[in-house]
Amino acid sequence: MKTISIILTAAIFALSSCSEDNTTESTGTSTRNTETPGENMNDDNWLIPVEEVRDGGPGKDGIPAIDKPGFIDAAEADYLDDDDLVLGFVDGSEVRAYPHKILDWHEIVNDNTPNHSLAVIYCPLTGTGIGWDRHAGGKKTTFGVSGLLYNSNIIPYDRETDSNWSQLLLKSVNGKLAGTRPVIHNLVETSWKTWKTMYPDTKVLSLNTGHNRNYGQYPYGTYKTSESLIFPVGNTDSRIHLKERVLAVIENDKAIAFRFDQLETNEHLITALFNGKQLVVAGDKQLNFMIAFDSKLTDGTILDFQYLNNQLPGILTDNEGNVWDISGRAVEGPRKGEALLPVTQMMGYWFAFAAFYPEIEL
């Protein structure tokens, strides 16, 4: 427990001391941060057990979201190493990368891509990242960091209605929009080297965030590799290491997880029937990515896929001769320009998905 306390204290100090909110209290201990919070919670009823909602420490907006993101070319991103993780998003011809090095300190980026208003929601404690449309309650909004956690996972709030949302439950859990689900935009988590090889014209989030942070320093010590958790969760599952990175597909309050080791022993490709869908999961441990799609196309065709080795940006081919990239777009073949049907998915730590979905398949 001493190790956990040291990590947590250092993280809270680093985050709180950099906060623009002068009212944020930095306690220097882990006690306050594992208790049920009070002053920064709405009074409305919650859809999750309120006694399990925790105060993360820095307070509401103490971890500042990036509301005016700037981007640079891949060649200018000298602050990134090849093995640094990024969250990638493809919107037509526009390709963007959001590095963990920045997200660890800000957790949310409110962005506008050519066809979408995108909120990148990332939780460093659960290692989970996903994109949400920024329209909530019929109005365009931005999301902020509430400072609250449930099962160690970020609770964003929307600034239009002040409703609180659960990233891993994929819905608002408190406030005017309670029960509302966001429109999902899946992000691809992979290494910077793999992403820039796939998309050399990608834009990258700039260090010019408007905030003073040490982006070269990970703020949570040895948390990534330790089995220790800072905050309690409702369910633990020790089938694999708690912090192993897995890909989870989530649908209708059910989840299934896939491991890199499974892909390595199945020639980088797994098919699985989940919740009535025939999933195809492709990935490569060395290239550090996993991605899932629905094998059934909009016209009803079910394709038979094979993994493409060393042919980036293509990762899949099929029985019709098409080549598909990591965003699910056909880049060669008779279906060029078409897209595979997405399924809601996130990379993240195993313990996080098991906490939210105790019946998760593995």
Foldseek 3Di string as FASTA:
>chain_A
DVVLFVLLLQLLCQLQVQFPPPVFDRPSTLVQFQFQDDDLDDPFDFQDPSRQKTQSGRAWCSQPEQEPWDWDALVPPPVADQQFKWWWADDPLAIETETPLVCLRRQWYQDDDPVFGWIWGAQPQWRKIWIFGQQAPNRGWGKTFRSMDGQSFTWIATPVFRFTHTPLVQATGGGPRHPHGTDTGGIWMFGSNLVCVQPVGHIYTDPPRVGDHDSSDRSRPCSLPDLDHNYHFDDFDVPDRQNAKWKWFDDPLAIATDHQVVCVVVVQWDWDQDPNFTKIWGDHVVRGTIFIFGQAAPVGDRWAWHADPPPHQFGIATPQGFTAGRSQATCDGPRHGDGTHHTDMIITGNGSNCRSHVVYHD
